[in-house]
Amino acid sequence: GARGATAAAGVGDPGVEWSDGLAPLNHVAGDSAPQSPGDPSPLAVWLRLLRRPQFVLLLISFNVGLGLACAIMTLLGELVAKCGYGPTLAGEASGLFMVCGSAGALACGHVLGVTKAYRTTLRVVATCTVAAGLIFMRALRPDARGELLAASALLGAWMVAALPVLIANAVEETYPAPPDAAAALLFTSSSVLQVGFTFALQLLLSAQGDRCGDVTSPSRVFVLVVAVGGCLLPVYAFRGGQFRRLAEELGEREGASRASGSVDGAWVGAQGAGLLPEDEVCGLAGPENGASESSSPARAG
């Protein structure tokens, strides 16, 4: 039944002892439950999550991707200036990046909600993001204004879309830990790499001088190598759990349905056996007439 469905996914049974100690957090520190003195601290929850190798792969991909995006957007004005463009084009490219990124995130979130294909969607989005990054680096050249704007829009659409997909996979992988614990750790830890990647890219651009360069320039090689090694490879190595949260929700719905069916069956059986008062048999308090369970003496008994 419901217990078997959730047991097949490794969740949903309160009696199961989880080796990493995350199971109690689902009941004690959920989204809507206030934290009590006995609840583990956020730091303790994060340390438990960091002991999960599959989550660490998602953490690496998320941090590297967000760090690169921050570095590119921060230094976009300098990148385009070396190729002969002014600040106007940098502003237009940044705007297209953000607008198309929001649209891409909404689209990927919808696809993920409909298909529930967590790992497949993650790999497709990561691959397309790296491909869009290569197209963007190729478009950074003089006299290619339209191509550069189109490449900025494409890069934003895929790069920003990767964020909700990574978060959804992280929540499924770390369940039954609170969903906000995984998301908070992802965003908090990424701030370190954002500063580091921006500093490293700035050094490479300074060493490049005033040359626009091409895809073989050190600054662009740095971005592409880090994107492949830090974003794409961890995603393809990810073999984490799926449908853990969904399996428990399905089990709860099945359990509620079975309980409702057994109550209605007992009511019909009591009527057939003549165990109810005459007024209730005539339908004055029956379930088909909208009476609540608590108002019926027979049901209360």
C-alpha atoms as a PDB file:
ATOM      1  CA  GLY A   1       0.000   0.000   0.000  1.00  0.00           C
ATOM      2  CA  ALA A   2       1.164   3.522   0.776  1.00  0.00           C
ATOM      3  CA  ARG A   3       3.842   2.182   3.090  1.00  0.00           C
ATOM      4  CA  GLY A   4       5.186  -0.098   0.387  1.00  0.00           C
ATOM      5  CA  ALA A   5       5.238   2.654  -2.223  1.00  0.00           C
ATOM      6  CA  THR A   6       7.316   4.916  -0.051  1.00  0.00           C
ATOM      7  CA  ALA A   7       9.520   2.124   1.237  1.00  0.00           C
ATOM      8  CA  ALA A   8      10.513   1.326  -2.333  1.00  0.00           C
ATOM      9  CA  ALA A   9      11.958   4.825  -2.598  1.00  0.00           C
ATOM     10  CA  GLY A  10      13.618   4.592   0.800  1.00  0.00           C
ATOM     11  CA  VAL A  11      11.439   7.215   2.482  1.00  0.00           C
ATOM     12  CA  GLY A  12       8.176   7.710   4.246  1.00  0.00           C
ATOM     13  CA  ASP A  13       8.554   5.181   7.070  1.00  0.00           C
ATOM     14  CA  PRO A  14       9.064   6.962  10.402  1.00  0.00           C
ATOM     15  CA  GLY A  15      10.604   3.804  11.830  1.00  0.00           C
ATOM     16  CA  VAL A  16      13.513   3.747   9.394  1.00  0.00           C
ATOM     17  CA  GLU A  17      16.823   4.951  10.802  1.00  0.00           C
ATOM     18  CA  TRP A  18      18.705   7.093   8.312  1.00  0.00           C
ATOM     19  CA  SER A  19      22.461   6.729   8.456  1.00  0.00           C
ATOM     20  CA  ASP A  20      23.098  10.455   8.045  1.00  0.00           C
ATOM     21  CA  GLY A  21      20.581  11.474  10.705  1.00  0.00           C
ATOM     22  CA  LEU A  22      18.441  13.567   8.362  1.00  0.00           C
ATOM     23  CA  ALA A  23      15.117  11.812   8.920  1.00  0.00           C
ATOM     24  CA  PRO A  24      14.212  13.603  12.190  1.00  0.00           C
ATOM     25  CA  LEU A  25      14.721  16.966  10.491  1.00  0.00           C
ATOM     26  CA  ASN A  26      11.724  16.377   8.247  1.00  0.00           C
ATOM     27  CA  HIS A  27       9.434  16.223  11.242  1.00  0.00           C
ATOM     28  CA  VAL A  28      11.160  18.643  13.576  1.00  0.00           C
ATOM     29  CA  ALA A  29      12.536  21.379  11.330  1.00  0.00           C
ATOM     30  CA  GLY A  30      10.177  21.434   8.386  1.00  0.00           C
ATOM     31  CA  ASP A  31       9.188  24.509   6.465  1.00  0.00           C
ATOM     32  CA  SER A  32       6.224  25.362   8.639  1.00  0.00           C
ATOM     33  CA  ALA A  33       7.464  24.063  11.983  1.00  0.00           C
ATOM     34  CA  PRO A  34       8.991  26.597  14.407  1.00  0.00           C
ATOM     35  CA  GLN A  35      12.456  25.747  15.644  1.00  0.00           C
ATOM     36  CA  SER A  36      12.555  24.418  19.201  1.00  0.00           C
ATOM     37  CA  PRO A  37      15.574  24.306  21.528  1.00  0.00           C
ATOM     38  CA  GLY A  38      16.132  20.643  20.619  1.00  0.00           C
ATOM     39  CA  ASP A  39      16.340  21.249  16.855  1.00  0.00           C
ATOM     40  CA  PRO A  40      19.746  21.017  15.153  1.00  0.00           C
ATOM     41  CA  SER A  41      21.364  24.284  14.137  1.00  0.00           C
ATOM     42  CA  PRO A  42      21.585  25.268  10.448  1.00  0.00           C
ATOM     43  CA  LEU A  43      25.333  24.679  10.594  1.00  0.00           C
ATOM     44  CA  ALA A  44      24.792  21.130  11.847  1.00  0.00           C
ATOM     45  CA  VAL A  45      22.324  20.476   9.027  1.00  0.00           C
ATOM     46  CA  TRP A  46      24.792  21.845   6.468  1.00  0.00           C
ATOM     47  CA  LEU A  47      27.569  19.615   7.798  1.00  0.00           C
ATOM     48  CA  ARG A  48      25.313  16.606   7.384  1.00  0.00           C
ATOM     49  CA  LEU A  49      24.509  17.617   3.823  1.00  0.00           C
ATOM     50  CA  LEU A  50      28.196  18.010   3.011  1.00  0.00           C
ATOM     51  CA  ARG A  51      28.700  14.351   3.927  1.00  0.00           C
ATOM     52  CA  ARG A  52      26.506  13.354   0.983  1.00  0.00           C
ATOM     53  CA  PRO A  53      28.806  12.951  -2.067  1.00  0.00           C
ATOM     54  CA  GLN A  54      25.992  13.323  -4.600  1.00  0.00           C
ATOM     55  CA  PHE A  55      24.903  16.616  -3.087  1.00  0.00           C
ATOM     56  CA  VAL A  56      28.513  17.824  -3.155  1.00  0.00           C
ATOM     57  CA  LEU A  57      28.552  17.268  -6.931  1.00  0.00           C
ATOM     58  CA  LEU A  58      25.525  19.542  -7.296  1.00  0.00           C
ATOM     59  CA  LEU A  59      27.107  22.037  -4.922  1.00  0.00           C
ATOM     60  CA  ILE A  60      30.259  22.217  -7.065  1.00  0.00           C
ATOM     61  CA  SER A  61      28.293  22.670 -10.286  1.00  0.00           C
ATOM     62  CA  PHE A  62      26.053  25.335  -8.760  1.00  0.00           C
ATOM     63  CA  ASN A  63      28.925  27.298  -7.210  1.00  0.00           C
ATOM     64  CA  VAL A  64      31.098  27.213 -10.321  1.00  0.00           C
ATOM     65  CA  GLY A  65      28.226  28.163 -12.636  1.00  0.00           C
ATOM     66  CA  LEU A  66      27.020  31.037 -10.477  1.00  0.00           C
ATOM     67  CA  GLY A  67      30.589  32.210  -9.912  1.00  0.00           C
ATOM     68  CA  LEU A  68      31.303  32.328 -13.653  1.00  0.00           C
ATOM     69  CA  ALA A  69      28.016  34.116 -14.376  1.00  0.00           C
ATOM     70  CA  CYS A  70      28.814  36.752 -11.758  1.00  0.00           C
ATOM     71  CA  ALA A  71      32.353  37.237 -13.100  1.00  0.00           C
ATOM     72  CA  ILE A  72      31.194  37.598 -16.715  1.00  0.00           C
ATOM     73  CA  MET A  73      28.405  40.047 -15.862  1.00  0.00           C
ATOM     74  CA  THR A  74      30.677  42.089 -13.594  1.00  0.00           C
ATOM     75  CA  LEU A  75      33.390  42.420 -16.240  1.00  0.00           C
ATOM     76  CA  LEU A  76      31.124  42.509 -19.298  1.00  0.00           C
ATOM     77  CA  GLY A  77      31.851  46.197 -19.890  1.00  0.00           C
ATOM     78  CA  GLU A  78      35.580  45.522 -20.026  1.00  0.00           C
ATOM     79  CA  LEU A  79      35.106  42.449 -22.203  1.00  0.00           C
ATOM     80  CA  VAL A  80      33.177  44.325 -24.884  1.00  0.00           C
ATOM     81  CA  ALA A  81      35.347  47.466 -24.598  1.00  0.00           C
ATOM     82  CA  LYS A  82      38.408  45.487 -25.680  1.00  0.00           C
ATOM     83  CA  CYS A  83      36.506  44.569 -28.864  1.00  0.00           C
ATOM     84  CA  GLY A  84      35.638  48.173 -29.709  1.00  0.00           C
ATOM     85  CA  TYR A  85      32.153  48.488 -28.185  1.00  0.00           C
ATOM     86  CA  GLY A  86      30.897  51.133 -25.771  1.00  0.00           C
ATOM     87  CA  PRO A  87      28.998  50.921 -22.485  1.00  0.00           C
ATOM     88  CA  THR A  88      25.672  51.086 -24.339  1.00  0.00           C
ATOM     89  CA  LEU A  89      26.148  47.620 -25.808  1.00  0.00           C
ATOM     90  CA  ALA A  90      27.270  46.272 -22.426  1.00  0.00           C
ATOM     91  CA  GLY A  91      24.020  47.542 -20.899  1.00  0.00           C
ATOM     92  CA  GLU A  92      21.920  46.053 -23.677  1.00  0.00           C
ATOM     93  CA  ALA A  93      23.684  42.701 -23.393  1.00  0.00           C
ATOM     94  CA  SER A  94      23.194  42.645 -19.605  1.00  0.00           C
ATOM     95  CA  GLY A  95      19.501  43.459 -19.996  1.00  0.00           C
ATOM     96  CA  LEU A  96      18.992  40.682 -22.535  1.00  0.00           C
ATOM     97  CA  PHE A  97      20.867  38.278 -20.276  1.00  0.00           C
ATOM     98  CA  MET A  98      18.527  38.967 -17.349  1.00  0.00           C
ATOM     99  CA  VAL A  99      15.251  39.092 -19.309  1.00  0.00           C
ATOM    100  CA  CYS A 100      15.933  35.929 -21.281  1.00  0.00           C
ATOM    101  CA  GLY A 101      17.297  34.312 -18.129  1.00  0.00           C
ATOM    102  CA  SER A 102      14.018  34.888 -16.296  1.00  0.00           C
ATOM    103  CA  ALA A 103      12.061  33.442 -19.223  1.00  0.00           C
ATOM    104  CA  GLY A 104      14.364  30.437 -19.404  1.00  0.00           C
ATOM    105  CA  ALA A 105      14.053  29.766 -15.676  1.00  0.00           C
ATOM    106  CA  LEU A 106      10.252  29.856 -15.873  1.00  0.00           C
ATOM    107  CA  ALA A 107      10.222  27.547 -18.890  1.00  0.00           C
ATOM    108  CA  CYS A 108      12.582  25.008 -17.330  1.00  0.00           C
ATOM    109  CA  GLY A 109      10.671  25.110 -14.058  1.00  0.00           C
ATOM    110  CA  HIS A 110       7.454  24.317 -15.920  1.00  0.00           C
ATOM    111  CA  VAL A 111       9.063  21.469 -17.861  1.00  0.00           C
ATOM    112  CA  LEU A 112      10.526  20.039 -14.669  1.00  0.00           C
ATOM    113  CA  GLY A 113       7.174  20.238 -12.882  1.00  0.00           C
ATOM    114  CA  VAL A 114       5.360  18.456 -15.718  1.00  0.00           C
ATOM    115  CA  THR A 115       7.889  15.751 -16.580  1.00  0.00           C
ATOM    116  CA  LYS A 116       9.607  15.187 -13.194  1.00  0.00           C
ATOM    117  CA  ALA A 117      12.689  14.224 -15.248  1.00  0.00           C
ATOM    118  CA  TYR A 118      15.154  15.700 -12.781  1.00  0.00           C
ATOM    119  CA  ARG A 119      18.488  14.260 -13.913  1.00  0.00           C
ATOM    120  CA  THR A 120      17.689  14.379 -17.621  1.00  0.00           C
ATOM    121  CA  THR A 121      16.618  18.016 -17.455  1.00  0.00           C
ATOM    122  CA  LEU A 122      19.718  18.856 -15.424  1.00  0.00           C
ATOM    123  CA  ARG A 123      22.056  17.325 -18.006  1.00  0.00           C
ATOM    124  CA  VAL A 124      20.306  18.944 -20.954  1.00  0.00           C
ATOM    125  CA  VAL A 125      20.383  22.376 -19.321  1.00  0.00           C
ATOM    126  CA  ALA A 126      24.041  22.044 -18.255  1.00  0.00           C
ATOM    127  CA  THR A 127      25.117  20.943 -21.744  1.00  0.00           C
ATOM    128  CA  CYS A 128      23.232  23.775 -23.430  1.00  0.00           C
ATOM    129  CA  THR A 129      24.667  26.286 -20.950  1.00  0.00           C
ATOM    130  CA  VAL A 130      28.247  25.314 -21.766  1.00  0.00           C
ATOM    131  CA  ALA A 131      27.439  25.383 -25.497  1.00  0.00           C
ATOM    132  CA  ALA A 132      25.897  28.859 -25.108  1.00  0.00           C
ATOM    133  CA  GLY A 133      29.032  29.984 -23.280  1.00  0.00           C
ATOM    134  CA  LEU A 134      31.179  28.842 -26.188  1.00  0.00           C
ATOM    135  CA  ILE A 135      28.937  30.735 -28.634  1.00  0.00           C
ATOM    136  CA  PHE A 136      29.192  33.843 -26.454  1.00  0.00           C
ATOM    137  CA  MET A 137      32.986  33.672 -26.354  1.00  0.00           C
ATOM    138  CA  ARG A 138      33.053  33.246 -30.132  1.00  0.00           C
ATOM    139  CA  ALA A 139      30.759  36.290 -30.570  1.00  0.00           C
ATOM    140  CA  LEU A 140      33.114  38.554 -28.596  1.00  0.00           C
ATOM    141  CA  ARG A 141      34.818  40.149 -31.604  1.00  0.00           C
ATOM    142  CA  PRO A 142      34.695  43.465 -33.458  1.00  0.00           C
ATOM    143  CA  ASP A 143      31.855  44.296 -35.845  1.00  0.00           C
ATOM    144  CA  ALA A 144      29.527  41.573 -34.537  1.00  0.00           C
ATOM    145  CA  ARG A 145      27.057  43.599 -32.517  1.00  0.00           C
ATOM    146  CA  GLY A 146      23.938  41.620 -33.438  1.00  0.00           C
ATOM    147  CA  GLU A 147      25.621  38.279 -32.910  1.00  0.00           C
ATOM    148  CA  LEU A 148      26.945  39.387 -29.518  1.00  0.00           C
ATOM    149  CA  LEU A 149      23.503  40.502 -28.333  1.00  0.00           C
ATOM    150  CA  ALA A 150      21.912  37.261 -29.523  1.00  0.00           C
ATOM    151  CA  ALA A 151      24.652  35.250 -27.799  1.00  0.00           C
ATOM    152  CA  SER A 152      24.096  37.203 -24.551  1.00  0.00           C
ATOM    153  CA  ALA A 153      20.383  36.403 -24.672  1.00  0.00           C
ATOM    154  CA  LEU A 154      21.088  32.729 -25.336  1.00  0.00           C
ATOM    155  CA  LEU A 155      23.643  32.509 -22.539  1.00  0.00           C
ATOM    156  CA  GLY A 156      21.267  34.122 -20.056  1.00  0.00           C
ATOM    157  CA  ALA A 157      18.372  31.867 -21.046  1.00  0.00           C
ATOM    158  CA  TRP A 158      20.331  28.695 -20.319  1.00  0.00           C
ATOM    159  CA  MET A 159      22.596  29.831 -17.492  1.00  0.00           C
ATOM    160  CA  VAL A 160      19.836  31.292 -15.319  1.00  0.00           C
ATOM    161  CA  ALA A 161      17.557  28.350 -16.168  1.00  0.00           C
ATOM    162  CA  ALA A 162      20.131  26.010 -14.649  1.00  0.00           C
ATOM    163  CA  LEU A 163      19.604  27.479 -11.165  1.00  0.00           C
ATOM    164  CA  PRO A 164      16.063  26.158 -10.418  1.00  0.00           C
ATOM    165  CA  VAL A 165      16.935  22.814 -12.004  1.00  0.00           C
ATOM    166  CA  LEU A 166      19.998  22.422  -9.768  1.00  0.00           C
ATOM    167  CA  ILE A 167      18.013  23.459  -6.705  1.00  0.00           C
ATOM    168  CA  ALA A 168      15.213  20.973  -7.478  1.00  0.00           C
ATOM    169  CA  ASN A 169      17.721  18.130  -7.818  1.00  0.00           C
ATOM    170  CA  ALA A 170      19.449  19.180  -4.593  1.00  0.00           C
ATOM    171  CA  VAL A 171      16.146  19.190  -2.684  1.00  0.00           C
ATOM    172  CA  GLU A 172      15.278  15.705  -3.953  1.00  0.00           C
ATOM    173  CA  GLU A 173      18.772  14.398  -3.190  1.00  0.00           C
ATOM    174  CA  THR A 174      18.854  15.736   0.388  1.00  0.00           C
ATOM    175  CA  TYR A 175      15.275  14.804   1.322  1.00  0.00           C
ATOM    176  CA  PRO A 176      14.101  14.461   4.108  1.00  0.00           C
ATOM    177  CA  ALA A 177      16.226  17.458   5.105  1.00  0.00           C
ATOM    178  CA  PRO A 178      14.289  20.750   4.989  1.00  0.00           C
ATOM    179  CA  PRO A 179      14.253  22.120   1.408  1.00  0.00           C
ATOM    180  CA  ASP A 180      15.446  25.536   2.542  1.00  0.00           C
ATOM    181  CA  ALA A 181      18.590  23.988   4.076  1.00  0.00           C
ATOM    182  CA  ALA A 182      19.932  22.783   0.707  1.00  0.00           C
ATOM    183  CA  ALA A 183      19.014  26.006  -1.103  1.00  0.00           C
ATOM    184  CA  ALA A 184      20.569  28.183   1.596  1.00  0.00           C
ATOM    185  CA  LEU A 185      23.816  26.209   1.507  1.00  0.00           C
ATOM    186  CA  LEU A 186      23.990  26.461  -2.295  1.00  0.00           C
ATOM    187  CA  PHE A 187      23.617  30.248  -2.376  1.00  0.00           C
ATOM    188  CA  THR A 188      25.729  30.950   0.710  1.00  0.00           C
ATOM    189  CA  SER A 189      28.717  28.927  -0.446  1.00  0.00           C
ATOM    190  CA  SER A 190      28.602  30.355  -3.982  1.00  0.00           C
ATOM    191  CA  SER A 191      29.543  33.849  -2.788  1.00  0.00           C
ATOM    192  CA  VAL A 192      33.136  32.746  -2.203  1.00  0.00           C
ATOM    193  CA  LEU A 193      33.657  31.577  -5.788  1.00  0.00           C
ATOM    194  CA  GLN A 194      31.919  34.664  -7.190  1.00  0.00           C
ATOM    195  CA  VAL A 195      34.638  36.854  -5.687  1.00  0.00           C
ATOM    196  CA  GLY A 196      37.416  34.441  -6.636  1.00  0.00           C
ATOM    197  CA  PHE A 197      36.369  34.012 -10.276  1.00  0.00           C
ATOM    198  CA  THR A 198      35.876  37.756 -10.745  1.00  0.00           C
ATOM    199  CA  PHE A 199      39.369  38.427  -9.407  1.00  0.00           C
ATOM    200  CA  ALA A 200      40.936  35.697 -11.578  1.00  0.00           C
ATOM    201  CA  LEU A 201      39.171  36.853 -14.745  1.00  0.00           C
ATOM    202  CA  GLN A 202      40.177  40.442 -14.048  1.00  0.00           C
ATOM    203  CA  LEU A 203      43.825  39.423 -13.792  1.00  0.00           C
ATOM    204  CA  LEU A 204      43.661  37.559 -17.102  1.00  0.00           C
ATOM    205  CA  LEU A 205      41.960  40.478 -18.858  1.00  0.00           C
ATOM    206  CA  SER A 206      44.588  42.889 -17.512  1.00  0.00           C
ATOM    207  CA  ALA A 207      47.375  40.652 -18.798  1.00  0.00           C
ATOM    208  CA  GLN A 208      45.631  40.554 -22.187  1.00  0.00           C
ATOM    209  CA  GLY A 209      46.077  44.305 -22.663  1.00  0.00           C
ATOM    210  CA  ASP A 210      43.885  46.102 -25.178  1.00  0.00           C
ATOM    211  CA  ARG A 211      43.559  43.149 -27.530  1.00  0.00           C
ATOM    212  CA  CYS A 212      40.063  41.768 -28.143  1.00  0.00           C
ATOM    213  CA  GLY A 213      41.417  38.236 -28.449  1.00  0.00           C
ATOM    214  CA  ASP A 214      39.580  35.132 -29.567  1.00  0.00           C
ATOM    215  CA  VAL A 215      38.461  31.788 -28.111  1.00  0.00           C
ATOM    216  CA  THR A 216      42.115  30.834 -27.566  1.00  0.00           C
ATOM    217  CA  SER A 217      42.834  33.868 -25.369  1.00  0.00           C
ATOM    218  CA  PRO A 218      43.747  32.975 -21.757  1.00  0.00           C
ATOM    219  CA  SER A 219      40.670  34.703 -20.294  1.00  0.00           C
ATOM    220  CA  ARG A 220      38.249  32.817 -22.528  1.00  0.00           C
ATOM    221  CA  VAL A 221      40.071  29.505 -22.188  1.00  0.00           C
ATOM    222  CA  PHE A 222      39.824  29.953 -18.415  1.00  0.00           C
ATOM    223  CA  VAL A 223      36.043  30.431 -18.587  1.00  0.00           C
ATOM    224  CA  LEU A 224      35.470  27.458 -20.896  1.00  0.00           C
ATOM    225  CA  VAL A 225      37.761  25.049 -19.024  1.00  0.00           C
ATOM    226  CA  VAL A 226      36.243  25.941 -15.662  1.00  0.00           C
ATOM    227  CA  ALA A 227      32.724  25.618 -17.103  1.00  0.00           C
ATOM    228  CA  VAL A 228      33.377  22.137 -18.484  1.00  0.00           C
ATOM    229  CA  GLY A 229      35.349  20.855 -15.506  1.00  0.00           C
ATOM    230  CA  GLY A 230      33.361  22.523 -12.742  1.00  0.00           C
ATOM    231  CA  CYS A 231      29.820  22.546 -14.145  1.00  0.00           C
ATOM    232  CA  LEU A 232      29.371  19.921 -16.825  1.00  0.00           C
ATOM    233  CA  LEU A 233      31.416  17.008 -15.468  1.00  0.00           C
ATOM    234  CA  PRO A 234      29.866  17.044 -11.949  1.00  0.00           C
ATOM    235  CA  VAL A 235      26.387  17.074 -13.509  1.00  0.00           C
ATOM    236  CA  TYR A 236      27.127  14.007 -15.631  1.00  0.00           C
ATOM    237  CA  ALA A 237      28.700  12.282 -12.620  1.00  0.00           C
ATOM    238  CA  PHE A 238      25.612  12.952 -10.501  1.00  0.00           C
ATOM    239  CA  ARG A 239      23.675   9.785  -9.652  1.00  0.00           C
ATOM    240  CA  GLY A 240      21.707  11.106  -6.704  1.00  0.00           C
ATOM    241  CA  GLY A 241      18.269  10.151  -5.495  1.00  0.00           C
ATOM    242  CA  GLN A 242      15.104  11.185  -7.292  1.00  0.00           C
ATOM    243  CA  PHE A 243      11.437  11.269  -6.335  1.00  0.00           C
ATOM    244  CA  ARG A 244      12.147  10.924  -2.588  1.00  0.00           C
ATOM    245  CA  ARG A 245       9.917  13.835  -1.640  1.00  0.00           C
ATOM    246  CA  LEU A 246       7.362  12.931  -4.316  1.00  0.00           C
ATOM    247  CA  ALA A 247       7.234   9.318  -3.141  1.00  0.00           C
ATOM    248  CA  GLU A 248       6.392  10.345   0.416  1.00  0.00           C
ATOM    249  CA  GLU A 249       3.723  12.782  -0.762  1.00  0.00           C
ATOM    250  CA  LEU A 250       2.200  10.014  -2.884  1.00  0.00           C
ATOM    251  CA  GLY A 251       2.262   7.681   0.098  1.00  0.00           C
ATOM    252  CA  GLU A 252       0.493  10.239   2.285  1.00  0.00           C
ATOM    253  CA  ARG A 253      -2.223  10.717  -0.333  1.00  0.00           C
ATOM    254  CA  GLU A 254      -2.708   6.960  -0.691  1.00  0.00           C
ATOM    255  CA  GLY A 255      -2.907   6.578   3.077  1.00  0.00           C
ATOM    256  CA  ALA A 256      -5.516   9.318   3.365  1.00  0.00           C
ATOM    257  CA  SER A 257      -7.540   7.736   0.547  1.00  0.00           C
ATOM    258  CA  ARG A 258      -7.473   4.302   2.222  1.00  0.00           C
ATOM    259  CA  ALA A 259      -8.527   5.790   5.554  1.00  0.00           C
ATOM    260  CA  SER A 260     -11.447   7.621   3.941  1.00  0.00           C
ATOM    261  CA  GLY A 261     -12.546   4.455   2.146  1.00  0.00           C
ATOM    262  CA  SER A 262     -12.527   2.376   5.329  1.00  0.00           C
ATOM    263  CA  VAL A 263     -14.668   4.956   7.207  1.00  0.00           C
ATOM    264  CA  ASP A 264     -17.283   5.044   4.439  1.00  0.00           C
ATOM    265  CA  GLY A 265     -17.288   1.246   4.255  1.00  0.00           C
ATOM    266  CA  ALA A 266     -17.908   0.948   7.989  1.00  0.00           C
ATOM    267  CA  TRP A 267     -20.827   3.407   7.700  1.00  0.00           C
ATOM    268  CA  VAL A 268     -22.511   1.395   4.934  1.00  0.00           C
ATOM    269  CA  GLY A 269     -21.934  -1.852   6.809  1.00  0.00           C
ATOM    270  CA  ALA A 270     -23.490  -0.477   9.971  1.00  0.00           C
ATOM    271  CA  GLN A 271     -26.563   0.632   8.045  1.00  0.00           C
ATOM    272  CA  GLY A 272     -26.968  -2.787   6.434  1.00  0.00           C
ATOM    273  CA  ALA A 273     -26.669  -4.581   9.769  1.00  0.00           C
ATOM    274  CA  GLY A 274     -29.351  -2.384  11.388  1.00  0.00           C
ATOM    275  CA  LEU A 275     -26.920  -0.983  13.965  1.00  0.00           C
ATOM    276  CA  LEU A 276     -27.837   2.672  13.361  1.00  0.00           C
ATOM    277  CA  PRO A 277     -30.905   4.496  14.732  1.00  0.00           C
ATOM    278  CA  GLU A 278     -33.870   4.753  12.412  1.00  0.00           C
ATOM    279  CA  ASP A 279     -33.396   8.483  11.727  1.00  0.00           C
ATOM    280  CA  GLU A 280     -29.809   7.901  10.579  1.00  0.00           C
ATOM    281  CA  VAL A 281     -30.800   4.944   8.410  1.00  0.00           C
ATOM    282  CA  CYS A 282     -33.344   7.228   6.747  1.00  0.00           C
ATOM    283  CA  GLY A 283     -30.486   9.575   5.830  1.00  0.00           C
ATOM    284  CA  LEU A 284     -30.734  12.334   8.418  1.00  0.00           C
ATOM    285  CA  ALA A 285     -27.050  12.075   9.349  1.00  0.00           C
ATOM    286  CA  GLY A 286     -25.559   9.939   6.584  1.00  0.00           C
ATOM    287  CA  PRO A 287     -22.418  10.917   4.702  1.00  0.00           C
ATOM    288  CA  GLU A 288     -24.364  11.334   1.476  1.00  0.00           C
ATOM    289  CA  ASN A 289     -26.358  14.155   3.065  1.00  0.00           C
ATOM    290  CA  GLY A 290     -23.305  16.197   3.968  1.00  0.00           C
ATOM    291  CA  ALA A 291     -23.246  15.572   7.737  1.00  0.00           C
ATOM    292  CA  SER A 292     -19.831  15.800   9.302  1.00  0.00           C
ATOM    293  CA  GLU A 293     -18.184  12.798  10.880  1.00  0.00           C
ATOM    294  CA  SER A 294     -18.001  14.467  14.251  1.00  0.00           C
ATOM    295  CA  SER A 295     -21.791  15.117  14.313  1.00  0.00           C
ATOM    296  CA  SER A 296     -22.692  11.453  13.913  1.00  0.00           C
ATOM    297  CA  PRO A 297     -22.970   9.342  17.128  1.00  0.00           C
ATOM    298  CA  ALA A 298     -22.568   6.179  15.116  1.00  0.00           C
ATOM    299  CA  ARG A 299     -19.350   7.373  13.554  1.00  0.00           C
ATOM    300  CA  ALA A 300     -18.077   8.693  16.844  1.00  0.00           C
ATOM    301  CA  GLY A 301     -18.647   5.234  18.286  1.00  0.00           C
END
